[in-house]
PDB file of N, CA and C in Angstrom:
ATOM      1  N   UNK A   1       1.383   2.987 -18.022  1.00  0.00           N
ATOM      2  CA  UNK A   1       0.071   2.674 -17.486  1.00  0.00           C
ATOM      3  C   UNK A   1      -0.413   3.886 -16.687  1.00  0.00           C
ATOM      4  N   UNK A   2      -1.634   4.302 -16.929  1.00  0.00           N
ATOM      5  CA  UNK A   2      -2.155   5.454 -16.197  1.00  0.00           C
ATOM      6  C   UNK A   2      -2.557   5.046 -14.776  1.00  0.00           C
ATOM      7  N   UNK A   3      -2.827   6.021 -13.951  1.00  0.00           N
ATOM      8  CA  UNK A   3      -3.052   5.796 -12.520  1.00  0.00           C
ATOM      9  C   UNK A   3      -4.240   4.891 -12.252  1.00  0.00           C
ATOM     10  N   UNK A   4      -5.366   5.120 -12.894  1.00  0.00           N
ATOM     11  CA  UNK A   4      -6.554   4.308 -12.593  1.00  0.00           C
ATOM     12  C   UNK A   4      -6.341   2.860 -13.032  1.00  0.00           C
ATOM     13  N   UNK A   5      -5.661   2.646 -14.152  1.00  0.00           N
ATOM     14  CA  UNK A   5      -5.364   1.266 -14.573  1.00  0.00           C
ATOM     15  C   UNK A   5      -4.391   0.597 -13.608  1.00  0.00           C
ATOM     16  N   UNK A   6      -3.466   1.371 -13.072  1.00  0.00           N
ATOM     17  CA  UNK A   6      -2.534   0.829 -12.075  1.00  0.00           C
ATOM     18  C   UNK A   6      -3.301   0.425 -10.814  1.00  0.00           C
ATOM     19  N   UNK A   7      -4.265   1.254 -10.404  1.00  0.00           N
ATOM     20  CA  UNK A   7      -5.088   0.932  -9.235  1.00  0.00           C
ATOM     21  C   UNK A   7      -5.861  -0.360  -9.483  1.00  0.00           C
ATOM     22  N   UNK A   8      -6.463  -0.482 -10.652  1.00  0.00           N
ATOM     23  CA  UNK A   8      -7.225  -1.693 -10.971  1.00  0.00           C
ATOM     24  C   UNK A   8      -6.321  -2.921 -11.014  1.00  0.00           C
ATOM     25  N   UNK A   9      -5.126  -2.782 -11.573  1.00  0.00           N
ATOM     26  CA  UNK A   9      -4.182  -3.894 -11.635  1.00  0.00           C
ATOM     27  C   UNK A   9      -3.777  -4.327 -10.225  1.00  0.00           C
ATOM     28  N   UNK A  10      -3.523  -3.364  -9.343  1.00  0.00           N
ATOM     29  CA  UNK A  10      -3.138  -3.688  -7.973  1.00  0.00           C
ATOM     30  C   UNK A  10      -4.280  -4.326  -7.192  1.00  0.00           C
ATOM     31  N   UNK A  11      -5.493  -3.877  -7.437  1.00  0.00           N
ATOM     32  CA  UNK A  11      -6.642  -4.517  -6.792  1.00  0.00           C
ATOM     33  C   UNK A  11      -6.701  -5.989  -7.190  1.00  0.00           C
ATOM     34  N   UNK A  12      -6.581  -6.242  -8.477  1.00  0.00           N
ATOM     35  CA  UNK A  12      -6.632  -7.620  -8.966  1.00  0.00           C
ATOM     36  C   UNK A  12      -5.477  -8.450  -8.410  1.00  0.00           C
ATOM     37  N   UNK A  13      -4.282  -7.892  -8.456  1.00  0.00           N
ATOM     38  CA  UNK A  13      -3.090  -8.597  -7.988  1.00  0.00           C
ATOM     39  C   UNK A  13      -3.190  -8.961  -6.511  1.00  0.00           C
ATOM     40  N   UNK A  14      -3.866  -8.114  -5.735  1.00  0.00           N
ATOM     41  CA  UNK A  14      -3.998  -8.328  -4.293  1.00  0.00           C
ATOM     42  C   UNK A  14      -5.330  -8.979  -3.907  1.00  0.00           C
ATOM     43  N   UNK A  15      -6.045  -9.463  -4.925  1.00  0.00           N
ATOM     44  CA  UNK A  15      -7.345 -10.111  -4.691  1.00  0.00           C
ATOM     45  C   UNK A  15      -8.300  -9.222  -3.896  1.00  0.00           C
ATOM     46  N   UNK A  16      -8.314  -7.964  -4.262  1.00  0.00           N
ATOM     47  CA  UNK A  16      -9.203  -6.998  -3.634  1.00  0.00           C
ATOM     48  C   UNK A  16     -10.230  -6.537  -4.657  1.00  0.00           C
ATOM     49  N   UNK A  17     -11.403  -6.186  -4.182  1.00  0.00           N
ATOM     50  CA  UNK A  17     -12.448  -5.745  -5.105  1.00  0.00           C
ATOM     51  C   UNK A  17     -12.545  -4.216  -5.124  1.00  0.00           C
ATOM     52  N   UNK A  18     -13.170  -3.726  -6.174  1.00  0.00           N
ATOM     53  CA  UNK A  18     -13.415  -2.287  -6.264  1.00  0.00           C
ATOM     54  C   UNK A  18     -14.320  -1.852  -5.116  1.00  0.00           C
ATOM     55  N   UNK A  19     -15.259  -2.721  -4.752  1.00  0.00           N
ATOM     56  CA  UNK A  19     -16.168  -2.415  -3.640  1.00  0.00           C
ATOM     57  C   UNK A  19     -15.397  -2.279  -2.331  1.00  0.00           C
ATOM     58  N   UNK A  20     -14.413  -3.145  -2.113  1.00  0.00           N
ATOM     59  CA  UNK A  20     -13.611  -3.031  -0.887  1.00  0.00           C
ATOM     60  C   UNK A  20     -12.889  -1.685  -0.836  1.00  0.00           C
ATOM     61  N   UNK A  21     -12.386  -1.254  -1.981  1.00  0.00           N
ATOM     62  CA  UNK A  21     -11.709   0.041  -2.027  1.00  0.00           C
ATOM     63  C   UNK A  21     -12.685   1.176  -1.776  1.00  0.00           C
ATOM     64  N   UNK A  22     -13.832   1.159  -2.450  1.00  0.00           N
ATOM     65  CA  UNK A  22     -14.794   2.253  -2.254  1.00  0.00           C
ATOM     66  C   UNK A  22     -15.364   2.239  -0.834  1.00  0.00           C
ATOM     67  N   UNK A  23     -15.537   1.047  -0.244  1.00  0.00           N
ATOM     68  CA  UNK A  23     -15.972   0.978   1.164  1.00  0.00           C
ATOM     69  C   UNK A  23     -14.914   1.604   2.063  1.00  0.00           C
ATOM     70  N   UNK A  24     -13.644   1.271   1.800  1.00  0.00           N
ATOM     71  CA  UNK A  24     -12.533   1.824   2.578  1.00  0.00           C
ATOM     72  C   UNK A  24     -12.521   3.348   2.480  1.00  0.00           C
ATOM     73  N   UNK A  25     -12.801   3.857   1.289  1.00  0.00           N
ATOM     74  CA  UNK A  25     -12.796   5.304   1.052  1.00  0.00           C
ATOM     75  C   UNK A  25     -14.112   5.964   1.444  1.00  0.00           C
ATOM     76  N   UNK A  26     -15.088   5.120   1.835  1.00  0.00           N
ATOM     77  CA  UNK A  26     -16.436   5.586   2.173  1.00  0.00           C
ATOM     78  C   UNK A  26     -17.083   6.330   1.005  1.00  0.00           C
ATOM     79  N   UNK A  27     -16.978   5.714  -0.173  1.00  0.00           N
ATOM     80  CA  UNK A  27     -17.555   6.270  -1.400  1.00  0.00           C
ATOM     81  C   UNK A  27     -18.561   5.289  -1.978  1.00  0.00           C
ATOM     82  N   UNK A  28     -19.457   5.788  -2.775  1.00  0.00           N
ATOM     83  CA  UNK A  28     -20.391   4.938  -3.500  1.00  0.00           C
ATOM     84  C   UNK A  28     -19.635   4.195  -4.593  1.00  0.00           C
ATOM     85  N   UNK A  29     -20.001   2.948  -4.858  1.00  0.00           N
ATOM     86  CA  UNK A  29     -19.261   2.167  -5.855  1.00  0.00           C
ATOM     87  C   UNK A  29     -19.383   2.760  -7.263  1.00  0.00           C
ATOM     88  N   UNK A  30     -20.406   3.565  -7.504  1.00  0.00           N
ATOM     89  CA  UNK A  30     -20.540   4.212  -8.815  1.00  0.00           C
ATOM     90  C   UNK A  30     -19.407   5.205  -9.058  1.00  0.00           C
ATOM     91  N   UNK A  31     -18.812   5.674  -7.983  1.00  0.00           N
ATOM     92  CA  UNK A  31     -17.681   6.597  -8.107  1.00  0.00           C
ATOM     93  C   UNK A  31     -16.527   5.921  -8.829  1.00  0.00           C
ATOM     94  N   UNK A  32     -16.271   4.657  -8.479  1.00  0.00           N
ATOM     95  CA  UNK A  32     -15.182   3.931  -9.129  1.00  0.00           C
ATOM     96  C   UNK A  32     -15.491   3.739 -10.607  1.00  0.00           C
ATOM     97  N   UNK A  33     -16.742   3.463 -10.934  1.00  0.00           N
ATOM     98  CA  UNK A  33     -17.138   3.329 -12.341  1.00  0.00           C
ATOM     99  C   UNK A  33     -16.859   4.617 -13.105  1.00  0.00           C
ATOM    100  N   UNK A  34     -17.135   5.737 -12.480  1.00  0.00           N
ATOM    101  CA  UNK A  34     -16.863   7.035 -13.117  1.00  0.00           C
ATOM    102  C   UNK A  34     -15.365   7.214 -13.333  1.00  0.00           C
ATOM    103  N   UNK A  35     -14.556   6.747 -12.390  1.00  0.00           N
ATOM    104  CA  UNK A  35     -13.104   6.821 -12.548  1.00  0.00           C
ATOM    105  C   UNK A  35     -12.663   5.962 -13.720  1.00  0.00           C
ATOM    106  N   UNK A  36     -13.170   4.723 -13.761  1.00  0.00           N
ATOM    107  CA  UNK A  36     -12.783   3.793 -14.830  1.00  0.00           C
ATOM    108  C   UNK A  36     -13.180   4.307 -16.208  1.00  0.00           C
ATOM    109  N   UNK A  37     -14.345   4.906 -16.280  1.00  0.00           N
ATOM    110  CA  UNK A  37     -14.854   5.386 -17.565  1.00  0.00           C
ATOM    111  C   UNK A  37     -14.315   6.758 -17.951  1.00  0.00           C
ATOM    112  N   UNK A  38     -13.449   7.307 -17.127  1.00  0.00           N
ATOM    113  CA  UNK A  38     -12.849   8.600 -17.437  1.00  0.00           C
ATOM    114  C   UNK A  38     -13.774   9.777 -17.231  1.00  0.00           C
ATOM    115  N   UNK A  39     -14.909   9.552 -16.564  1.00  0.00           N
ATOM    116  CA  UNK A  39     -15.865  10.631 -16.340  1.00  0.00           C
ATOM    117  C   UNK A  39     -15.489  11.496 -15.142  1.00  0.00           C
ATOM    118  N   UNK A  40     -14.583  10.977 -14.320  1.00  0.00           N
ATOM    119  CA  UNK A  40     -14.144  11.716 -13.142  1.00  0.00           C
ATOM    120  C   UNK A  40     -12.693  11.373 -12.839  1.00  0.00           C
ATOM    121  N   UNK A  41     -11.971  12.356 -12.395  1.00  0.00           N
ATOM    122  CA  UNK A  41     -10.589  12.158 -11.956  1.00  0.00           C
ATOM    123  C   UNK A  41     -10.490  12.453 -10.456  1.00  0.00           C
ATOM    124  N   UNK A  42     -11.625  12.354  -9.759  1.00  0.00           N
ATOM    125  CA  UNK A  42     -11.645  12.688  -8.332  1.00  0.00           C
ATOM    126  C   UNK A  42     -10.786  11.745  -7.494  1.00  0.00           C
ATOM    127  N   UNK A  43     -10.338  10.640  -8.099  1.00  0.00           N
ATOM    128  CA  UNK A  43      -9.496   9.712  -7.336  1.00  0.00           C
ATOM    129  C   UNK A  43      -8.195  10.379  -6.901  1.00  0.00           C
ATOM    130  N   UNK A  44      -7.785  11.439  -7.593  1.00  0.00           N
ATOM    131  CA  UNK A  44      -6.546  12.115  -7.213  1.00  0.00           C
ATOM    132  C   UNK A  44      -6.608  12.661  -5.784  1.00  0.00           C
ATOM    133  N   UNK A  45      -7.794  13.100  -5.353  1.00  0.00           N
ATOM    134  CA  UNK A  45      -7.876  13.628  -3.985  1.00  0.00           C
ATOM    135  C   UNK A  45      -7.871  12.514  -2.944  1.00  0.00           C
ATOM    136  N   UNK A  46      -8.048  11.271  -3.379  1.00  0.00           N
ATOM    137  CA  UNK A  46      -7.998  10.113  -2.474  1.00  0.00           C
ATOM    138  C   UNK A  46      -6.703   9.316  -2.644  1.00  0.00           C
ATOM    139  N   UNK A  47      -5.776   9.831  -3.411  1.00  0.00           N
ATOM    140  CA  UNK A  47      -4.584   9.070  -3.787  1.00  0.00           C
ATOM    141  C   UNK A  47      -3.796   8.544  -2.584  1.00  0.00           C
ATOM    142  N   UNK A  48      -3.659   9.358  -1.573  1.00  0.00           N
ATOM    143  CA  UNK A  48      -2.912   8.935  -0.389  1.00  0.00           C
ATOM    144  C   UNK A  48      -3.609   7.756   0.299  1.00  0.00           C
ATOM    145  N   UNK A  49      -4.923   7.842   0.433  1.00  0.00           N
ATOM    146  CA  UNK A  49      -5.687   6.757   1.050  1.00  0.00           C
ATOM    147  C   UNK A  49      -5.658   5.494   0.183  1.00  0.00           C
ATOM    148  N   UNK A  50      -5.746   5.663  -1.127  1.00  0.00           N
ATOM    149  CA  UNK A  50      -5.702   4.521  -2.042  1.00  0.00           C
ATOM    150  C   UNK A  50      -4.342   3.841  -1.948  1.00  0.00           C
ATOM    151  N   UNK A  51      -3.286   4.628  -1.931  1.00  0.00           N
ATOM    152  CA  UNK A  51      -1.936   4.071  -1.809  1.00  0.00           C
ATOM    153  C   UNK A  51      -1.793   3.301  -0.499  1.00  0.00           C
ATOM    154  N   UNK A  52      -2.331   3.860   0.565  1.00  0.00           N
ATOM    155  CA  UNK A  52      -2.312   3.191   1.867  1.00  0.00           C
ATOM    156  C   UNK A  52      -3.034   1.848   1.790  1.00  0.00           C
ATOM    157  N   UNK A  53      -4.200   1.848   1.204  1.00  0.00           N
ATOM    158  CA  UNK A  53      -5.018   0.636   1.073  1.00  0.00           C
ATOM    159  C   UNK A  53      -4.283  -0.439   0.281  1.00  0.00           C
ATOM    160  N   UNK A  54      -3.549  -0.021  -0.744  1.00  0.00           N
ATOM    161  CA  UNK A  54      -2.862  -0.963  -1.635  1.00  0.00           C
ATOM    162  C   UNK A  54      -1.412  -1.230  -1.225  1.00  0.00           C
ATOM    163  N   UNK A  55      -0.965  -0.597  -0.143  1.00  0.00           N
ATOM    164  CA  UNK A  55       0.416  -0.755   0.337  1.00  0.00           C
ATOM    165  C   UNK A  55       1.453  -0.395  -0.720  1.00  0.00           C
ATOM    166  N   UNK A  56       1.231   0.725  -1.378  1.00  0.00           N
ATOM    167  CA  UNK A  56       2.191   1.261  -2.345  1.00  0.00           C
ATOM    168  C   UNK A  56       2.339   2.750  -2.067  1.00  0.00           C
ATOM    169  N   UNK A  57       3.286   3.369  -2.694  1.00  0.00           N
ATOM    170  CA  UNK A  57       3.454   4.811  -2.527  1.00  0.00           C
ATOM    171  C   UNK A  57       2.584   5.560  -3.539  1.00  0.00           C
ATOM    172  N   UNK A  58       2.304   6.812  -3.227  1.00  0.00           N
ATOM    173  CA  UNK A  58       1.581   7.643  -4.184  1.00  0.00           C
ATOM    174  C   UNK A  58       2.435   7.840  -5.438  1.00  0.00           C
ATOM    175  N   UNK A  59       3.750   7.926  -5.256  1.00  0.00           N
ATOM    176  CA  UNK A  59       4.640   8.049  -6.416  1.00  0.00           C
ATOM    177  C   UNK A  59       4.484   6.853  -7.346  1.00  0.00           C
ATOM    178  N   UNK A  60       4.380   5.667  -6.771  1.00  0.00           N
ATOM    179  CA  UNK A  60       4.199   4.472  -7.606  1.00  0.00           C
ATOM    180  C   UNK A  60       2.892   4.566  -8.394  1.00  0.00           C
ATOM    181  N   UNK A  61       1.807   4.968  -7.725  1.00  0.00           N
ATOM    182  CA  UNK A  61       0.519   5.094  -8.423  1.00  0.00           C
ATOM    183  C   UNK A  61       0.581   6.132  -9.535  1.00  0.00           C
ATOM    184  N   UNK A  62       1.374   7.169  -9.318  1.00  0.00           N
ATOM    185  CA  UNK A  62       1.499   8.230 -10.323  1.00  0.00           C
ATOM    186  C   UNK A  62       2.536   7.907 -11.396  1.00  0.00           C
ATOM    187  N   UNK A  63       3.207   6.772 -11.249  1.00  0.00           N
ATOM    188  CA  UNK A  63       4.198   6.369 -12.241  1.00  0.00           C
ATOM    189  C   UNK A  63       5.547   7.025 -12.053  1.00  0.00           C
ATOM    190  N   UNK A  64       5.757   7.650 -10.912  1.00  0.00           N
ATOM    191  CA  UNK A  64       7.037   8.322 -10.666  1.00  0.00           C
ATOM    192  C   UNK A  64       8.108   7.355 -10.203  1.00  0.00           C
ATOM    193  N   UNK A  65       7.689   6.235  -9.642  1.00  0.00           N
ATOM    194  CA  UNK A  65       8.634   5.234  -9.154  1.00  0.00           C
ATOM    195  C   UNK A  65       8.249   3.909  -9.800  1.00  0.00           C
ATOM    196  N   UNK A  66       8.815   3.621 -10.950  1.00  0.00           N
ATOM    197  CA  UNK A  66       8.399   2.450 -11.703  1.00  0.00           C
ATOM    198  C   UNK A  66       8.896   1.137 -11.113  1.00  0.00           C
ATOM    199  N   UNK A  67       9.915   1.199 -10.272  1.00  0.00           N
ATOM    200  CA  UNK A  67      10.438  -0.030  -9.681  1.00  0.00           C
ATOM    201  C   UNK A  67       9.728  -0.286  -8.358  1.00  0.00           C
ATOM    202  N   UNK A  68       8.830  -1.250  -8.335  1.00  0.00           N
ATOM    203  CA  UNK A  68       8.130  -1.568  -7.094  1.00  0.00           C
ATOM    204  C   UNK A  68       8.844  -2.707  -6.385  1.00  0.00           C
ATOM    205  N   UNK A  69       8.696  -2.752  -5.106  1.00  0.00           N
ATOM    206  CA  UNK A  69       9.323  -3.808  -4.337  1.00  0.00           C
ATOM    207  C   UNK A  69       8.230  -4.724  -3.800  1.00  0.00           C
ATOM    208  N   UNK A  70       7.941  -5.755  -4.549  1.00  0.00           N
ATOM    209  CA  UNK A  70       6.854  -6.668  -4.238  1.00  0.00           C
ATOM    210  C   UNK A  70       7.060  -7.331  -2.884  1.00  0.00           C
ATOM    211  N   UNK A  71       8.284  -7.738  -2.565  1.00  0.00           N
ATOM    212  CA  UNK A  71       8.533  -8.406  -1.289  1.00  0.00           C
ATOM    213  C   UNK A  71       8.217  -7.505  -0.108  1.00  0.00           C
ATOM    214  N   UNK A  72       8.600  -6.246  -0.188  1.00  0.00           N
ATOM    215  CA  UNK A  72       8.323  -5.310   0.904  1.00  0.00           C
ATOM    216  C   UNK A  72       6.820  -5.136   1.068  1.00  0.00           C
ATOM    217  N   UNK A  73       6.094  -5.035  -0.028  1.00  0.00           N
ATOM    218  CA  UNK A  73       4.629  -4.909   0.053  1.00  0.00           C
ATOM    219  C   UNK A  73       4.016  -6.162   0.661  1.00  0.00           C
ATOM    220  N   UNK A  74       4.531  -7.329   0.294  1.00  0.00           N
ATOM    221  CA  UNK A  74       4.012  -8.583   0.873  1.00  0.00           C
ATOM    222  C   UNK A  74       4.249  -8.614   2.378  1.00  0.00           C
ATOM    223  N   UNK A  75       5.440  -8.221   2.794  1.00  0.00           N
ATOM    224  CA  UNK A  75       5.753  -8.200   4.221  1.00  0.00           C
ATOM    225  C   UNK A  75       4.848  -7.195   4.937  1.00  0.00           C
ATOM    226  N   UNK A  76       4.647  -6.041   4.341  1.00  0.00           N
ATOM    227  CA  UNK A  76       3.795  -5.018   4.954  1.00  0.00           C
ATOM    228  C   UNK A  76       2.359  -5.505   5.085  1.00  0.00           C
ATOM    229  N   UNK A  77       1.844  -6.175   4.055  1.00  0.00           N
ATOM    230  CA  UNK A  77       0.474  -6.713   4.129  1.00  0.00           C
ATOM    231  C   UNK A  77       0.364  -7.754   5.237  1.00  0.00           C
ATOM    232  N   UNK A  78       1.352  -8.645   5.319  1.00  0.00           N
ATOM    233  CA  UNK A  78       1.337  -9.676   6.358  1.00  0.00           C
ATOM    234  C   UNK A  78       1.409  -9.024   7.739  1.00  0.00           C
ATOM    235  N   UNK A  79       2.297  -8.036   7.882  1.00  0.00           N
ATOM    236  CA  UNK A  79       2.470  -7.353   9.165  1.00  0.00           C
ATOM    237  C   UNK A  79       1.189  -6.663   9.596  1.00  0.00           C
ATOM    238  N   UNK A  80       0.474  -6.065   8.652  1.00  0.00           N
ATOM    239  CA  UNK A  80      -0.776  -5.369   8.974  1.00  0.00           C
ATOM    240  C   UNK A  80      -1.847  -6.316   9.501  1.00  0.00           C
ATOM    241  N   UNK A  81      -1.742  -7.589   9.166  1.00  0.00           N
ATOM    242  CA  UNK A  81      -2.722  -8.585   9.625  1.00  0.00           C
ATOM    243  C   UNK A  81      -2.370  -9.157  10.996  1.00  0.00           C
ATOM    244  N   UNK A  82      -1.149  -8.931  11.451  1.00  0.00           N
ATOM    245  CA  UNK A  82      -0.650  -9.549  12.683  1.00  0.00           C
ATOM    246  C   UNK A  82      -1.029  -8.749  13.920  1.00  0.00           C
ATOM    247  N   UNK A  83      -1.212  -9.469  15.038  1.00  0.00           N
ATOM    248  CA  UNK A  83      -1.326  -8.738  16.307  1.00  0.00           C
ATOM    249  C   UNK A  83       0.032  -8.123  16.636  1.00  0.00           C
ATOM    250  N   UNK A  84       0.038  -7.133  17.493  1.00  0.00           N
ATOM    251  CA  UNK A  84       1.264  -6.390  17.808  1.00  0.00           C
ATOM    252  C   UNK A  84       2.395  -7.305  18.293  1.00  0.00           C
ATOM    253  N   UNK A  85       2.048  -8.297  19.088  1.00  0.00           N
ATOM    254  CA  UNK A  85       3.061  -9.224  19.609  1.00  0.00           C
ATOM    255  C   UNK A  85       3.797  -9.938  18.471  1.00  0.00           C
ATOM    256  N   UNK A  86       3.060 -10.376  17.453  1.00  0.00           N
ATOM    257  CA  UNK A  86       3.684 -11.046  16.310  1.00  0.00           C
ATOM    258  C   UNK A  86       4.498 -10.077  15.464  1.00  0.00           C
ATOM    259  N   UNK A  87       4.051  -8.827  15.385  1.00  0.00           N
ATOM    260  CA  UNK A  87       4.811  -7.818  14.649  1.00  0.00           C
ATOM    261  C   UNK A  87       6.178  -7.621  15.295  1.00  0.00           C
ATOM    262  N   UNK A  88       6.180  -7.545  16.622  1.00  0.00           N
ATOM    263  CA  UNK A  88       7.445  -7.382  17.337  1.00  0.00           C
ATOM    264  C   UNK A  88       8.342  -8.601  17.151  1.00  0.00           C
ATOM    265  N   UNK A  89       7.761  -9.792  17.195  1.00  0.00           N
ATOM    266  CA  UNK A  89       8.518 -11.020  17.004  1.00  0.00           C
ATOM    267  C   UNK A  89       9.114 -11.066  15.596  1.00  0.00           C
ATOM    268  N   UNK A  90       8.335 -10.645  14.608  1.00  0.00           N
ATOM    269  CA  UNK A  90       8.813 -10.634  13.226  1.00  0.00           C
ATOM    270  C   UNK A  90      10.030  -9.708  13.091  1.00  0.00           C
ATOM    271  N   UNK A  91       9.959  -8.516  13.698  1.00  0.00           N
ATOM    272  CA  UNK A  91      11.087  -7.590  13.620  1.00  0.00           C
ATOM    273  C   UNK A  91      12.324  -8.172  14.294  1.00  0.00           C
ATOM    274  N   UNK A  92      12.144  -8.827  15.420  1.00  0.00           N
ATOM    275  CA  UNK A  92      13.288  -9.422  16.116  1.00  0.00           C
ATOM    276  C   UNK A  92      13.941 -10.510  15.267  1.00  0.00           C
ATOM    277  N   UNK A  93      13.121 -11.321  14.610  1.00  0.00           N
ATOM    278  CA  UNK A  93      13.654 -12.380  13.740  1.00  0.00           C
ATOM    279  C   UNK A  93      14.442 -11.751  12.589  1.00  0.00           C
ATOM    280  N   UNK A  94      13.876 -10.724  11.973  1.00  0.00           N
ATOM    281  CA  UNK A  94      14.563 -10.043  10.870  1.00  0.00           C
ATOM    282  C   UNK A  94      15.875  -9.410  11.345  1.00  0.00           C
ATOM    283  N   UNK A  95      15.820  -8.733  12.481  1.00  0.00           N
ATOM    284  CA  UNK A  95      17.021  -8.075  13.007  1.00  0.00           C
ATOM    285  C   UNK A  95      18.109  -9.086  13.353  1.00  0.00           C
ATOM    286  N   UNK A  96      17.732 -10.215  13.964  1.00  0.00           N
ATOM    287  CA  UNK A  96      18.722 -11.233  14.314  1.00  0.00           C
ATOM    288  C   UNK A  96      19.277 -11.925  13.075  1.00  0.00           C
ATOM    289  N   UNK A  97      18.397 -12.234  12.139  1.00  0.00           N
ATOM    290  CA  UNK A  97      18.811 -12.950  10.932  1.00  0.00           C
ATOM    291  C   UNK A  97      19.681 -12.081  10.029  1.00  0.00           C
ATOM    292  N   UNK A  98      19.371 -10.805   9.963  1.00  0.00           N
ATOM    293  CA  UNK A  98      20.063  -9.912   9.033  1.00  0.00           C
ATOM    294  C   UNK A  98      20.708  -8.742   9.779  1.00  0.00           C
ATOM    295  N   UNK A  99      21.322  -9.031  10.913  1.00  0.00           N
ATOM    296  CA  UNK A  99      21.851  -7.979  11.784  1.00  0.00           C
ATOM    297  C   UNK A  99      22.840  -7.050  11.087  1.00  0.00           C
ATOM    298  N   UNK A 100      23.634  -7.573  10.172  1.00  0.00           N
ATOM    299  CA  UNK A 100      24.621  -6.706   9.522  1.00  0.00           C
ATOM    300  C   UNK A 100      23.976  -5.616   8.664  1.00  0.00           C
ATOM    301  N   UNK A 101      22.697  -5.791   8.309  1.00  0.00           N
ATOM    302  CA  UNK A 101      21.995  -4.788   7.500  1.00  0.00           C
ATOM    303  C   UNK A 101      21.195  -3.808   8.349  1.00  0.00           C
ATOM    304  N   UNK A 102      21.085  -4.078   9.635  1.00  0.00           N
ATOM    305  CA  UNK A 102      20.302  -3.227  10.530  1.00  0.00           C
ATOM    306  C   UNK A 102      21.181  -2.302  11.359  1.00  0.00           C
ATOM    307  N   UNK A 103      22.408  -2.074  10.934  1.00  0.00           N
ATOM    308  CA  UNK A 103      23.322  -1.262  11.731  1.00  0.00           C
ATOM    309  C   UNK A 103      22.976   0.226  11.758  1.00  0.00           C
ATOM    310  N   UNK A 104      22.079   0.681  10.879  1.00  0.00           N
ATOM    311  CA  UNK A 104      21.706   2.099  10.885  1.00  0.00           C
ATOM    312  C   UNK A 104      20.245   2.301  11.261  1.00  0.00           C
ATOM    313  N   UNK A 105      19.640   1.309  11.892  1.00  0.00           N
ATOM    314  CA  UNK A 105      18.219   1.414  12.199  1.00  0.00           C
ATOM    315  C   UNK A 105      17.887   2.471  13.246  1.00  0.00           C
ATOM    316  N   UNK A 106      18.888   2.980  13.936  1.00  0.00           N
ATOM    317  CA  UNK A 106      18.663   4.041  14.922  1.00  0.00           C
ATOM    318  C   UNK A 106      18.131   5.311  14.254  1.00  0.00           C
ATOM    319  N   UNK A 107      18.293   5.449  12.959  1.00  0.00           N
ATOM    320  CA  UNK A 107      17.870   6.652  12.243  1.00  0.00           C
ATOM    321  C   UNK A 107      16.378   6.906  12.438  1.00  0.00           C
ATOM    322  N   UNK A 108      15.562   5.837  12.483  1.00  0.00           N
ATOM    323  CA  UNK A 108      14.114   5.969  12.598  1.00  0.00           C
ATOM    324  C   UNK A 108      13.601   5.819  14.014  1.00  0.00           C
ATOM    325  N   UNK A 109      14.475   5.669  14.993  1.00  0.00           N
ATOM    326  CA  UNK A 109      14.048   5.397  16.358  1.00  0.00           C
ATOM    327  C   UNK A 109      13.138   6.468  16.953  1.00  0.00           C
ATOM    328  N   UNK A 110      13.271   7.700  16.506  1.00  0.00           N
ATOM    329  CA  UNK A 110      12.474   8.758  17.106  1.00  0.00           C
ATOM    330  C   UNK A 110      11.190   9.067  16.342  1.00  0.00           C
ATOM    331  N   UNK A 111      10.876   8.263  15.351  1.00  0.00           N
ATOM    332  CA  UNK A 111       9.676   8.477  14.546  1.00  0.00           C
ATOM    333  C   UNK A 111       8.514   7.753  15.203  1.00  0.00           C
ATOM    334  N   UNK A 112       7.422   8.489  15.444  1.00  0.00           N
ATOM    335  CA  UNK A 112       6.205   7.872  15.992  1.00  0.00           C
ATOM    336  C   UNK A 112       5.436   7.217  14.861  1.00  0.00           C
ATOM    337  N   UNK A 113       4.959   6.020  15.101  1.00  0.00           N
ATOM    338  CA  UNK A 113       4.155   5.329  14.080  1.00  0.00           C
ATOM    339  C   UNK A 113       2.702   5.539  14.341  1.00  0.00           C
TER     340      UNK A 113
END
């Protein structure tokens, strides 16, 4: 599947519209039509933002990582909708419930989000 078809599939799968994506990118909706019709490949310069919007990696959009992790994307989408307090509570629940898998979480402790 090529990149633009993957973007369209992800929009549909996530119940998002092309207009929502173009609004997010601050582009005219005709730009997306040009992408779909193969008249423009300018979406490549927005790939990072598109991946962010769809909660996937740029590698996934480019077909470099064919194995997607749907559960992680679902959790990320839910987390993005939560207030900070709920995000912290969610992490604590995950850490307590699955503590044996969080034994190396110190690796990311110094990364600013």
